[in-house]
C-alpha cells in the first residue's frame, strides 16, 4: 500500500473526521494535467490575462507603478544586505538584534506590498489552471480508511473543499508536493538568530532576560499585545503605552478619587456623596522651658580655703 498521511479534523458540522492523503502516482498526475489544460483553455477563452501581462495590467489600472517597483527593489536589497551582516557577526549583540528586527519589519512590508499582485496572479490564465490541477490532485489523493476516494466525483469535491478536514488535507498535500515548510518563518535567518540568543520565545515574540514578552521598545505586553506591568509580587496589571495603570476595559485606575476644583480653587463635592470628614487636627504639645539656676560660688571661710582659692 502506498504511503499515506493521516488527517484528523472536523467537517462543517463539527463532527470528527479521519481521512488520508496519498501521494499522486503517474496516472493521477496525468489526469491532473488534463484538468490543467482544460482550465487553461477555458480561462483564455473567457478573457483572462496571461501571467506575463499581469504587470502591464496592474500599471494600467494604477495598482502598480514605478514607486512601488522601487520600493520592492529596496526591500529585497536591504533584507539581503542585513542578512549578510548577521551571518558575518563581529558586531555588538544589541546591534545585531536591531538588524534582525529591521529584517522582520522589512519582510512584513514586502509581503504587504506584493499581496495584491499575488492575489491577482490567481486570476491569470496560468493561475486558474494551477488551482484547478491542484484541486484535482486533492480530490484524487484524499482517501478513506479503506483506500477509496472520499468523494465520488470532482464536482462533489469542489462543493466540499471548504470543509475544515479537507482544507487540512490540501495543506498536507501541498507541503509534500511543493516542499512547503510549516516552520518557514522560524527558519528565516533573523528569527534563527533571535531564537539562538533567546531574544524571542517559541512564538517568535520578543522577550526580556526573564522570558517575559516585550515590544521593540522593551515594554511588557501580554499574549494579546496589551501593555502590562508587574508589581513587587510579580502580579501583572494593565497599563497604557505611557505606563499609566488601567483596568481590563482600558479605564484609568487611581488609588484615590480624583478631585475637581471650583472657580475659587476649592474641591467640588460629588453630588449625593457624603464628604469624608476631615481628620481632627492634632494639638501641638509645647515643651515647658526649664531654666537652670547658676550656682553661687561659696565664700572662703578659712585661711586654707583662701590660700587654695
C-alpha atoms as a PDB file:
ATOM      1  CA  UNK A   1       0.000   0.000   0.000  1.00  0.00           C
ATOM      2  CA  UNK A   2       1.233   3.471  -0.885  1.00  0.00           C
ATOM      3  CA  UNK A   3       2.400   5.667   1.965  1.00  0.00           C
ATOM      4  CA  UNK A   4      -0.452   7.710   3.353  1.00  0.00           C
ATOM      5  CA  UNK A   5      -0.733  10.696   5.665  1.00  0.00           C
ATOM      6  CA  UNK A   6      -3.422  10.643   8.328  1.00  0.00           C
ATOM      7  CA  UNK A   7      -5.635  13.725   8.582  1.00  0.00           C
ATOM      8  CA  UNK A   8      -7.713  14.259  11.710  1.00  0.00           C
ATOM      9  CA  UNK A   9     -10.124  17.161  11.544  1.00  0.00           C
ATOM     10  CA  UNK A  10     -13.739  18.288  11.561  1.00  0.00           C
ATOM     11  CA  UNK A  11     -16.466  18.529   8.964  1.00  0.00           C
ATOM     12  CA  UNK A  12     -18.643  21.610   8.509  1.00  0.00           C
ATOM     13  CA  UNK A  13     -20.955  20.415  11.298  1.00  0.00           C
ATOM     14  CA  UNK A  14     -18.121  19.994  13.781  1.00  0.00           C
ATOM     15  CA  UNK A  15     -18.052  16.212  13.640  1.00  0.00           C
ATOM     16  CA  UNK A  16     -14.717  14.411  13.901  1.00  0.00           C
ATOM     17  CA  UNK A  17     -13.350  13.197  10.577  1.00  0.00           C
ATOM     18  CA  UNK A  18     -10.393  10.970   9.788  1.00  0.00           C
ATOM     19  CA  UNK A  19      -9.098  10.860   6.234  1.00  0.00           C
ATOM     20  CA  UNK A  20      -5.864  10.008   4.454  1.00  0.00           C
ATOM     21  CA  UNK A  21      -3.756  11.673   1.799  1.00  0.00           C
ATOM     22  CA  UNK A  22      -1.657   9.552  -0.574  1.00  0.00           C
ATOM     23  CA  UNK A  23       0.915  10.979  -2.943  1.00  0.00           C
ATOM     24  CA  UNK A  24      -0.213  11.038  -6.596  1.00  0.00           C
ATOM     25  CA  UNK A  25       1.004   8.319  -8.941  1.00  0.00           C
ATOM     26  CA  UNK A  26       1.657   8.674 -12.657  1.00  0.00           C
ATOM     27  CA  UNK A  27      -1.991   8.101 -13.596  1.00  0.00           C
ATOM     28  CA  UNK A  28      -3.299  10.745 -11.199  1.00  0.00           C
ATOM     29  CA  UNK A  29      -0.677  13.244 -12.416  1.00  0.00           C
ATOM     30  CA  UNK A  30      -1.746  12.584 -15.998  1.00  0.00           C
ATOM     31  CA  UNK A  31      -5.398  13.187 -15.119  1.00  0.00           C
ATOM     32  CA  UNK A  32      -4.458  16.385 -13.252  1.00  0.00           C
ATOM     33  CA  UNK A  33      -2.542  17.668 -16.276  1.00  0.00           C
ATOM     34  CA  UNK A  34      -5.646  17.177 -18.446  1.00  0.00           C
ATOM     35  CA  UNK A  35      -7.620  19.216 -15.930  1.00  0.00           C
ATOM     36  CA  UNK A  36      -4.925  21.937 -16.133  1.00  0.00           C
ATOM     37  CA  UNK A  37      -5.145  22.014 -19.943  1.00  0.00           C
ATOM     38  CA  UNK A  38      -8.938  22.334 -19.970  1.00  0.00           C
ATOM     39  CA  UNK A  39      -8.872  25.041 -17.333  1.00  0.00           C
ATOM     40  CA  UNK A  40      -6.137  26.928 -19.217  1.00  0.00           C
ATOM     41  CA  UNK A  41      -8.219  26.944 -22.424  1.00  0.00           C
ATOM     42  CA  UNK A  42     -11.424  27.925 -20.617  1.00  0.00           C
ATOM     43  CA  UNK A  43      -9.681  30.799 -18.819  1.00  0.00           C
ATOM     44  CA  UNK A  44      -8.077  32.056 -22.026  1.00  0.00           C
ATOM     45  CA  UNK A  45     -11.395  31.907 -23.891  1.00  0.00           C
ATOM     46  CA  UNK A  46     -13.118  33.801 -21.079  1.00  0.00           C
ATOM     47  CA  UNK A  47     -10.701  36.714 -21.447  1.00  0.00           C
ATOM     48  CA  UNK A  48      -8.325  36.049 -18.557  1.00  0.00           C
ATOM     49  CA  UNK A  49      -4.855  37.545 -18.991  1.00  0.00           C
ATOM     50  CA  UNK A  50      -1.629  35.621 -19.227  1.00  0.00           C
ATOM     51  CA  UNK A  51       0.747  35.833 -16.259  1.00  0.00           C
ATOM     52  CA  UNK A  52       3.372  37.745 -18.244  1.00  0.00           C
ATOM     53  CA  UNK A  53       0.824  40.508 -18.885  1.00  0.00           C
ATOM     54  CA  UNK A  54      -0.115  40.915 -15.235  1.00  0.00           C
ATOM     55  CA  UNK A  55       2.426  43.665 -14.550  1.00  0.00           C
ATOM     56  CA  UNK A  56       1.192  45.741 -17.504  1.00  0.00           C
ATOM     57  CA  UNK A  57      -2.442  45.403 -16.467  1.00  0.00           C
ATOM     58  CA  UNK A  58      -1.670  46.424 -12.875  1.00  0.00           C
ATOM     59  CA  UNK A  59       0.189  49.511 -14.107  1.00  0.00           C
ATOM     60  CA  UNK A  60      -2.689  50.435 -16.414  1.00  0.00           C
ATOM     61  CA  UNK A  61      -5.117  50.200 -13.501  1.00  0.00           C
ATOM     62  CA  UNK A  62      -2.850  52.136 -11.162  1.00  0.00           C
ATOM     63  CA  UNK A  63      -2.249  49.124  -8.911  1.00  0.00           C
ATOM     64  CA  UNK A  64       1.498  49.084  -9.543  1.00  0.00           C
ATOM     65  CA  UNK A  65       3.851  51.861 -10.561  1.00  0.00           C
ATOM     66  CA  UNK A  66       7.489  52.861 -10.646  1.00  0.00           C
ATOM     67  CA  UNK A  67       7.426  53.952  -6.999  1.00  0.00           C
ATOM     68  CA  UNK A  68       6.175  50.550  -5.826  1.00  0.00           C
ATOM     69  CA  UNK A  69       8.676  48.811  -8.068  1.00  0.00           C
ATOM     70  CA  UNK A  70      11.486  50.856  -6.480  1.00  0.00           C
ATOM     71  CA  UNK A  71      10.165  50.052  -3.011  1.00  0.00           C
ATOM     72  CA  UNK A  72      10.032  46.385  -3.975  1.00  0.00           C
ATOM     73  CA  UNK A  73      13.686  46.508  -5.070  1.00  0.00           C
ATOM     74  CA  UNK A  74      14.828  48.392  -1.947  1.00  0.00           C
ATOM     75  CA  UNK A  75      13.157  45.926   0.394  1.00  0.00           C
ATOM     76  CA  UNK A  76      14.755  42.926  -1.300  1.00  0.00           C
ATOM     77  CA  UNK A  77      18.166  44.639  -1.361  1.00  0.00           C
ATOM     78  CA  UNK A  78      18.007  45.707   2.291  1.00  0.00           C
ATOM     79  CA  UNK A  79      16.941  42.278   3.512  1.00  0.00           C
ATOM     80  CA  UNK A  80      19.820  40.710   1.601  1.00  0.00           C
ATOM     81  CA  UNK A  81      22.395  43.179   2.996  1.00  0.00           C
ATOM     82  CA  UNK A  82      21.154  42.791   6.573  1.00  0.00           C
ATOM     83  CA  UNK A  83      21.291  39.012   6.218  1.00  0.00           C
ATOM     84  CA  UNK A  84      24.966  39.283   5.241  1.00  0.00           C
ATOM     85  CA  UNK A  85      25.684  41.427   8.324  1.00  0.00           C
ATOM     86  CA  UNK A  86      24.004  38.905  10.623  1.00  0.00           C
ATOM     87  CA  UNK A  87      25.857  35.964   9.124  1.00  0.00           C
ATOM     88  CA  UNK A  88      29.219  37.758   9.350  1.00  0.00           C
ATOM     89  CA  UNK A  89      28.961  38.650  13.067  1.00  0.00           C
ATOM     90  CA  UNK A  90      31.643  40.811  14.705  1.00  0.00           C
ATOM     91  CA  UNK A  91      29.136  43.398  15.933  1.00  0.00           C
ATOM     92  CA  UNK A  92      27.510  44.045  19.298  1.00  0.00           C
ATOM     93  CA  UNK A  93      24.618  41.748  20.171  1.00  0.00           C
ATOM     94  CA  UNK A  94      22.261  44.694  20.659  1.00  0.00           C
ATOM     95  CA  UNK A  95      23.154  45.997  17.197  1.00  0.00           C
ATOM     96  CA  UNK A  96      22.567  42.556  15.692  1.00  0.00           C
ATOM     97  CA  UNK A  97      19.192  42.422  17.448  1.00  0.00           C
ATOM     98  CA  UNK A  98      18.274  45.740  15.837  1.00  0.00           C
ATOM     99  CA  UNK A  99      19.231  44.413  12.408  1.00  0.00           C
ATOM    100  CA  UNK A 100      17.102  41.299  12.940  1.00  0.00           C
ATOM    101  CA  UNK A 101      14.098  43.415  13.944  1.00  0.00           C
ATOM    102  CA  UNK A 102      14.532  45.612  10.856  1.00  0.00           C
ATOM    103  CA  UNK A 103      14.610  42.463   8.716  1.00  0.00           C
ATOM    104  CA  UNK A 104      11.335  41.286  10.241  1.00  0.00           C
ATOM    105  CA  UNK A 105       9.704  44.639   9.565  1.00  0.00           C
ATOM    106  CA  UNK A 106      11.010  44.665   6.001  1.00  0.00           C
ATOM    107  CA  UNK A 107       9.569  41.212   5.299  1.00  0.00           C
ATOM    108  CA  UNK A 108       6.162  42.322   6.580  1.00  0.00           C
ATOM    109  CA  UNK A 109       6.331  45.388   4.345  1.00  0.00           C
ATOM    110  CA  UNK A 110       7.393  43.208   1.395  1.00  0.00           C
ATOM    111  CA  UNK A 111       4.523  40.767   1.891  1.00  0.00           C
ATOM    112  CA  UNK A 112       2.049  43.612   2.171  1.00  0.00           C
ATOM    113  CA  UNK A 113       3.429  45.232  -0.971  1.00  0.00           C
ATOM    114  CA  UNK A 114       3.177  42.117  -3.142  1.00  0.00           C
ATOM    115  CA  UNK A 115      -0.059  40.785  -1.591  1.00  0.00           C
ATOM    116  CA  UNK A 116      -2.245  42.382  -4.243  1.00  0.00           C
ATOM    117  CA  UNK A 117      -0.021  41.150  -7.047  1.00  0.00           C
ATOM    118  CA  UNK A 118      -0.087  37.650  -5.561  1.00  0.00           C
ATOM    119  CA  UNK A 119      -3.870  37.648  -5.231  1.00  0.00           C
ATOM    120  CA  UNK A 120      -4.295  38.858  -8.795  1.00  0.00           C
ATOM    121  CA  UNK A 121      -1.935  36.158 -10.058  1.00  0.00           C
ATOM    122  CA  UNK A 122      -4.544  33.524  -9.184  1.00  0.00           C
ATOM    123  CA  UNK A 123      -6.858  35.188 -11.735  1.00  0.00           C
ATOM    124  CA  UNK A 124      -4.412  34.845 -14.610  1.00  0.00           C
ATOM    125  CA  UNK A 125      -4.811  32.013 -17.099  1.00  0.00           C
ATOM    126  CA  UNK A 126      -1.935  30.084 -15.541  1.00  0.00           C
ATOM    127  CA  UNK A 127      -3.132  30.824 -12.025  1.00  0.00           C
ATOM    128  CA  UNK A 128      -6.595  29.439 -12.661  1.00  0.00           C
ATOM    129  CA  UNK A 129      -5.160  26.355 -14.379  1.00  0.00           C
ATOM    130  CA  UNK A 130      -2.720  25.757 -11.492  1.00  0.00           C
ATOM    131  CA  UNK A 131      -5.533  25.947  -8.974  1.00  0.00           C
ATOM    132  CA  UNK A 132      -7.682  23.520 -10.942  1.00  0.00           C
ATOM    133  CA  UNK A 133      -4.859  20.999 -11.227  1.00  0.00           C
ATOM    134  CA  UNK A 134      -4.101  21.143  -7.504  1.00  0.00           C
ATOM    135  CA  UNK A 135      -7.790  20.820  -6.627  1.00  0.00           C
ATOM    136  CA  UNK A 136      -7.985  17.671  -8.744  1.00  0.00           C
ATOM    137  CA  UNK A 137      -4.905  16.262  -7.016  1.00  0.00           C
ATOM    138  CA  UNK A 138      -6.515  16.754  -3.601  1.00  0.00           C
ATOM    139  CA  UNK A 139      -9.738  15.138  -4.818  1.00  0.00           C
ATOM    140  CA  UNK A 140      -7.899  12.133  -6.282  1.00  0.00           C
ATOM    141  CA  UNK A 141      -5.493  11.686  -3.338  1.00  0.00           C
ATOM    142  CA  UNK A 142      -7.994  12.063  -0.482  1.00  0.00           C
ATOM    143  CA  UNK A 143      -8.955   8.579   0.731  1.00  0.00           C
ATOM    144  CA  UNK A 144     -10.966   6.919   3.447  1.00  0.00           C
ATOM    145  CA  UNK A 145      -9.723   4.143   5.715  1.00  0.00           C
ATOM    146  CA  UNK A 146     -10.453   1.542   3.008  1.00  0.00           C
ATOM    147  CA  UNK A 147      -8.280   3.369   0.496  1.00  0.00           C
ATOM    148  CA  UNK A 148     -11.213   4.591  -1.601  1.00  0.00           C
ATOM    149  CA  UNK A 149     -11.794   8.169  -2.713  1.00  0.00           C
ATOM    150  CA  UNK A 150     -13.942  10.053  -0.247  1.00  0.00           C
ATOM    151  CA  UNK A 151     -15.772  11.998  -2.942  1.00  0.00           C
ATOM    152  CA  UNK A 152     -17.467  10.190  -5.797  1.00  0.00           C
ATOM    153  CA  UNK A 153     -16.778  12.966  -8.304  1.00  0.00           C
ATOM    154  CA  UNK A 154     -14.553  16.022  -8.742  1.00  0.00           C
ATOM    155  CA  UNK A 155     -17.677  18.177  -8.728  1.00  0.00           C
ATOM    156  CA  UNK A 156     -18.708  16.777  -5.348  1.00  0.00           C
ATOM    157  CA  UNK A 157     -15.240  17.591  -4.001  1.00  0.00           C
ATOM    158  CA  UNK A 158     -15.429  21.178  -5.296  1.00  0.00           C
ATOM    159  CA  UNK A 159     -18.679  21.651  -3.377  1.00  0.00           C
ATOM    160  CA  UNK A 160     -16.995  20.485  -0.161  1.00  0.00           C
ATOM    161  CA  UNK A 161     -13.463  21.924  -0.490  1.00  0.00           C
ATOM    162  CA  UNK A 162     -14.072  24.431   2.342  1.00  0.00           C
ATOM    163  CA  UNK A 163     -14.710  21.726   4.948  1.00  0.00           C
ATOM    164  CA  UNK A 164     -12.037  22.008   7.691  1.00  0.00           C
ATOM    165  CA  UNK A 165     -10.655  18.486   7.285  1.00  0.00           C
ATOM    166  CA  UNK A 166     -10.468  18.933   3.500  1.00  0.00           C
ATOM    167  CA  UNK A 167      -8.535  22.176   3.950  1.00  0.00           C
ATOM    168  CA  UNK A 168      -6.115  20.363   6.283  1.00  0.00           C
ATOM    169  CA  UNK A 169      -5.719  17.594   3.718  1.00  0.00           C
ATOM    170  CA  UNK A 170      -4.955  20.113   0.970  1.00  0.00           C
ATOM    171  CA  UNK A 171      -2.346  21.764   3.188  1.00  0.00           C
ATOM    172  CA  UNK A 172      -0.690  18.415   3.913  1.00  0.00           C
ATOM    173  CA  UNK A 173      -0.578  17.521   0.217  1.00  0.00           C
ATOM    174  CA  UNK A 174       0.881  20.924  -0.733  1.00  0.00           C
ATOM    175  CA  UNK A 175       3.574  20.534   1.917  1.00  0.00           C
ATOM    176  CA  UNK A 176       4.632  17.170   0.451  1.00  0.00           C
ATOM    177  CA  UNK A 177       4.358  18.105  -3.227  1.00  0.00           C
ATOM    178  CA  UNK A 178       5.949  21.543  -3.140  1.00  0.00           C
ATOM    179  CA  UNK A 179       8.240  21.237  -0.136  1.00  0.00           C
ATOM    180  CA  UNK A 180       6.368  23.891   1.833  1.00  0.00           C
ATOM    181  CA  UNK A 181       7.990  24.366   5.208  1.00  0.00           C
ATOM    182  CA  UNK A 182       5.488  24.699   8.082  1.00  0.00           C
ATOM    183  CA  UNK A 183       8.302  26.330  10.088  1.00  0.00           C
ATOM    184  CA  UNK A 184       9.231  28.736   7.296  1.00  0.00           C
ATOM    185  CA  UNK A 185       9.098  31.849   9.485  1.00  0.00           C
ATOM    186  CA  UNK A 186      11.014  30.193  12.325  1.00  0.00           C
ATOM    187  CA  UNK A 187      13.787  29.216   9.910  1.00  0.00           C
ATOM    188  CA  UNK A 188      14.304  32.690   8.477  1.00  0.00           C
ATOM    189  CA  UNK A 189      17.838  33.995   9.241  1.00  0.00           C
ATOM    190  CA  UNK A 190      16.672  36.811  11.514  1.00  0.00           C
ATOM    191  CA  UNK A 191      14.424  34.534  13.566  1.00  0.00           C
ATOM    192  CA  UNK A 192      17.063  31.817  13.773  1.00  0.00           C
ATOM    193  CA  UNK A 193      19.445  34.401  15.249  1.00  0.00           C
ATOM    194  CA  UNK A 194      16.882  35.779  17.712  1.00  0.00           C
ATOM    195  CA  UNK A 195      15.949  32.279  18.855  1.00  0.00           C
ATOM    196  CA  UNK A 196      19.577  31.221  19.237  1.00  0.00           C
ATOM    197  CA  UNK A 197      20.271  34.056  21.669  1.00  0.00           C
ATOM    198  CA  UNK A 198      16.912  33.607  23.453  1.00  0.00           C
ATOM    199  CA  UNK A 199      15.649  37.013  22.395  1.00  0.00           C
ATOM    200  CA  UNK A 200      12.293  35.561  21.286  1.00  0.00           C
ATOM    201  CA  UNK A 201      10.036  32.790  22.582  1.00  0.00           C
ATOM    202  CA  UNK A 202       8.620  29.782  20.734  1.00  0.00           C
ATOM    203  CA  UNK A 203       6.016  32.015  19.057  1.00  0.00           C
ATOM    204  CA  UNK A 204       8.854  34.309  17.857  1.00  0.00           C
ATOM    205  CA  UNK A 205       7.679  37.101  20.173  1.00  0.00           C
ATOM    206  CA  UNK A 206      10.393  39.334  21.624  1.00  0.00           C
ATOM    207  CA  UNK A 207      11.154  38.604  25.287  1.00  0.00           C
ATOM    208  CA  UNK A 208      13.345  40.078  28.026  1.00  0.00           C
ATOM    209  CA  UNK A 209      16.046  38.289  30.033  1.00  0.00           C
ATOM    210  CA  UNK A 210      13.370  36.624  32.179  1.00  0.00           C
ATOM    211  CA  UNK A 211      11.397  35.345  29.184  1.00  0.00           C
ATOM    212  CA  UNK A 212       8.565  37.881  29.525  1.00  0.00           C
ATOM    213  CA  UNK A 213       7.046  39.237  26.326  1.00  0.00           C
ATOM    214  CA  UNK A 214       8.089  42.777  25.345  1.00  0.00           C
ATOM    215  CA  UNK A 215       7.647  45.082  22.372  1.00  0.00           C
ATOM    216  CA  UNK A 216      10.532  46.557  20.371  1.00  0.00           C
ATOM    217  CA  UNK A 217      10.812  49.392  22.922  1.00  0.00           C
ATOM    218  CA  UNK A 218      11.166  46.893  25.785  1.00  0.00           C
ATOM    219  CA  UNK A 219       7.699  47.498  27.266  1.00  0.00           C
ATOM    220  CA  UNK A 220       5.930  44.463  28.718  1.00  0.00           C
ATOM    221  CA  UNK A 221       2.997  43.075  26.742  1.00  0.00           C
ATOM    222  CA  UNK A 222       0.681  40.100  27.258  1.00  0.00           C
ATOM    223  CA  UNK A 223      -0.428  37.411  24.792  1.00  0.00           C
ATOM    224  CA  UNK A 224      -2.947  39.830  23.243  1.00  0.00           C
ATOM    225  CA  UNK A 225      -0.395  42.595  22.784  1.00  0.00           C
ATOM    226  CA  UNK A 226      -1.734  44.762  25.629  1.00  0.00           C
ATOM    227  CA  UNK A 227       0.743  46.728  27.703  1.00  0.00           C
ATOM    228  CA  UNK A 228       1.277  45.403  31.211  1.00  0.00           C
ATOM    229  CA  UNK A 229       3.492  45.946  34.242  1.00  0.00           C
ATOM    230  CA  UNK A 230       4.306  43.826  37.283  1.00  0.00           C
ATOM    231  CA  UNK A 231       4.020  44.760  40.941  1.00  0.00           C
ATOM    232  CA  UNK A 232       6.545  43.801  43.633  1.00  0.00           C
ATOM    233  CA  UNK A 233       4.922  40.358  43.982  1.00  0.00           C
ATOM    234  CA  UNK A 234       5.181  39.677  40.250  1.00  0.00           C
ATOM    235  CA  UNK A 235       1.440  40.124  39.649  1.00  0.00           C
ATOM    236  CA  UNK A 236       0.697  41.765  36.318  1.00  0.00           C
ATOM    237  CA  UNK A 237      -1.660  44.682  35.745  1.00  0.00           C
ATOM    238  CA  UNK A 238      -2.678  46.615  32.648  1.00  0.00           C
ATOM    239  CA  UNK A 239      -1.154  49.960  31.708  1.00  0.00           C
ATOM    240  CA  UNK A 240      -1.383  52.316  28.749  1.00  0.00           C
ATOM    241  CA  UNK A 241       1.528  52.916  26.388  1.00  0.00           C
ATOM    242  CA  UNK A 242       2.944  55.503  28.815  1.00  0.00           C
ATOM    243  CA  UNK A 243       2.809  53.120  31.785  1.00  0.00           C
ATOM    244  CA  UNK A 244      -0.276  54.569  33.486  1.00  0.00           C
ATOM    245  CA  UNK A 245      -2.415  51.964  35.240  1.00  0.00           C
ATOM    246  CA  UNK A 246      -5.715  50.958  33.575  1.00  0.00           C
ATOM    247  CA  UNK A 247      -8.303  48.257  34.205  1.00  0.00           C
ATOM    248  CA  UNK A 248      -9.234  45.386  31.903  1.00  0.00           C
ATOM    249  CA  UNK A 249     -11.544  47.684  29.920  1.00  0.00           C
ATOM    250  CA  UNK A 250      -8.859  50.321  29.447  1.00  0.00           C
ATOM    251  CA  UNK A 251     -10.217  52.781  32.019  1.00  0.00           C
ATOM    252  CA  UNK A 252      -7.630  54.656  34.041  1.00  0.00           C
ATOM    253  CA  UNK A 253      -7.238  53.480  37.624  1.00  0.00           C
ATOM    254  CA  UNK A 254      -6.273  55.710  40.558  1.00  0.00           C
ATOM    255  CA  UNK A 255      -5.714  54.822  44.202  1.00  0.00           C
ATOM    256  CA  UNK A 256      -7.593  57.995  45.212  1.00  0.00           C
ATOM    257  CA  UNK A 257     -10.815  59.590  43.953  1.00  0.00           C
ATOM    258  CA  UNK A 258      -9.898  62.413  41.522  1.00  0.00           C
ATOM    259  CA  UNK A 259     -10.633  65.881  42.903  1.00  0.00           C
ATOM    260  CA  UNK A 260     -12.001  68.769  40.827  1.00  0.00           C
ATOM    261  CA  UNK A 261     -11.953  72.400  41.854  1.00  0.00           C
ATOM    262  CA  UNK A 262     -14.413  75.287  41.603  1.00  0.00           C
ATOM    263  CA  UNK A 263     -13.550  78.768  40.399  1.00  0.00           C
ATOM    264  CA  UNK A 264     -12.128  79.615  43.793  1.00  0.00           C
ATOM    265  CA  UNK A 265      -9.883  76.598  43.822  1.00  0.00           C
ATOM    266  CA  UNK A 266     -11.871  74.654  46.398  1.00  0.00           C
ATOM    267  CA  UNK A 267     -12.747  70.962  45.943  1.00  0.00           C
ATOM    268  CA  UNK A 268     -16.198  70.328  44.411  1.00  0.00           C
ATOM    269  CA  UNK A 269     -18.068  67.555  46.282  1.00  0.00           C
ATOM    270  CA  UNK A 270     -19.589  64.696  44.307  1.00  0.00           C
ATOM    271  CA  UNK A 271     -23.400  65.096  44.240  1.00  0.00           C
ATOM    272  CA  UNK A 272     -25.113  62.589  46.515  1.00  0.00           C
ATOM    273  CA  UNK A 273     -21.916  61.543  48.218  1.00  0.00           C
ATOM    274  CA  UNK A 274     -21.214  62.497  51.791  1.00  0.00           C
ATOM    275  CA  UNK A 275     -17.941  64.344  52.067  1.00  0.00           C
ATOM    276  CA  UNK A 276     -15.362  62.455  54.028  1.00  0.00           C
ATOM    277  CA  UNK A 277     -14.767  64.009  57.462  1.00  0.00           C
ATOM    278  CA  UNK A 278     -11.518  65.787  57.847  1.00  0.00           C
ATOM    279  CA  UNK A 279      -9.193  64.197  60.359  1.00  0.00           C
ATOM    280  CA  UNK A 280      -9.041  66.117  63.641  1.00  0.00           C
ATOM    281  CA  UNK A 281      -6.091  68.404  63.888  1.00  0.00           C
ATOM    282  CA  UNK A 282      -3.545  67.257  66.380  1.00  0.00           C
ATOM    283  CA  UNK A 283      -2.789  69.639  69.240  1.00  0.00           C
ATOM    284  CA  UNK A 284       0.724  70.792  69.389  1.00  0.00           C
ATOM    285  CA  UNK A 285       2.427  69.937  72.636  1.00  0.00           C
ATOM    286  CA  UNK A 286       4.742  72.724  73.663  1.00  0.00           C
ATOM    287  CA  UNK A 287       7.506  71.634  75.945  1.00  0.00           C
ATOM    288  CA  UNK A 288       7.965  73.807  79.042  1.00  0.00           C
ATOM    289  CA  UNK A 289      11.124  75.760  79.097  1.00  0.00           C
ATOM    290  CA  UNK A 290      13.254  74.892  82.078  1.00  0.00           C
ATOM    291  CA  UNK A 291      15.940  77.154  83.438  1.00  0.00           C
ATOM    292  CA  UNK A 292      18.907  76.085  85.413  1.00  0.00           C
ATOM    293  CA  UNK A 293      19.978  78.378  88.216  1.00  0.00           C
ATOM    294  CA  UNK A 294      23.618  79.270  88.327  1.00  0.00           C
ATOM    295  CA  UNK A 295      25.346  78.143  91.451  1.00  0.00           C
ATOM    296  CA  UNK A 296      26.910  80.952  93.518  1.00  0.00           C
ATOM    297  CA  UNK A 297      30.455  80.174  94.436  1.00  0.00           C
ATOM    298  CA  UNK A 298      30.864  79.520  98.145  1.00  0.00           C
ATOM    299  CA  UNK A 299      32.782  82.143 100.100  1.00  0.00           C
ATOM    300  CA  UNK A 300      36.102  81.015 101.506  1.00  0.00           C
ATOM    301  CA  UNK A 301      35.876  80.990 105.258  1.00  0.00           C
ATOM    302  CA  UNK A 302      39.223  79.667 106.296  1.00  0.00           C
ATOM    303  CA  UNK A 303      42.715  80.624 105.635  1.00  0.00           C
ATOM    304  CA  UNK A 304      43.365  77.335 103.982  1.00  0.00           C
ATOM    305  CA  UNK A 305      40.464  77.872 101.677  1.00  0.00           C
ATOM    306  CA  UNK A 306      41.676  81.392 100.928  1.00  0.00           C
ATOM    307  CA  UNK A 307      45.161  80.162 100.129  1.00  0.00           C
ATOM    308  CA  UNK A 308      43.745  77.477  97.856  1.00  0.00           C
ATOM    309  CA  UNK A 309      41.454  79.926  96.171  1.00  0.00           C
END
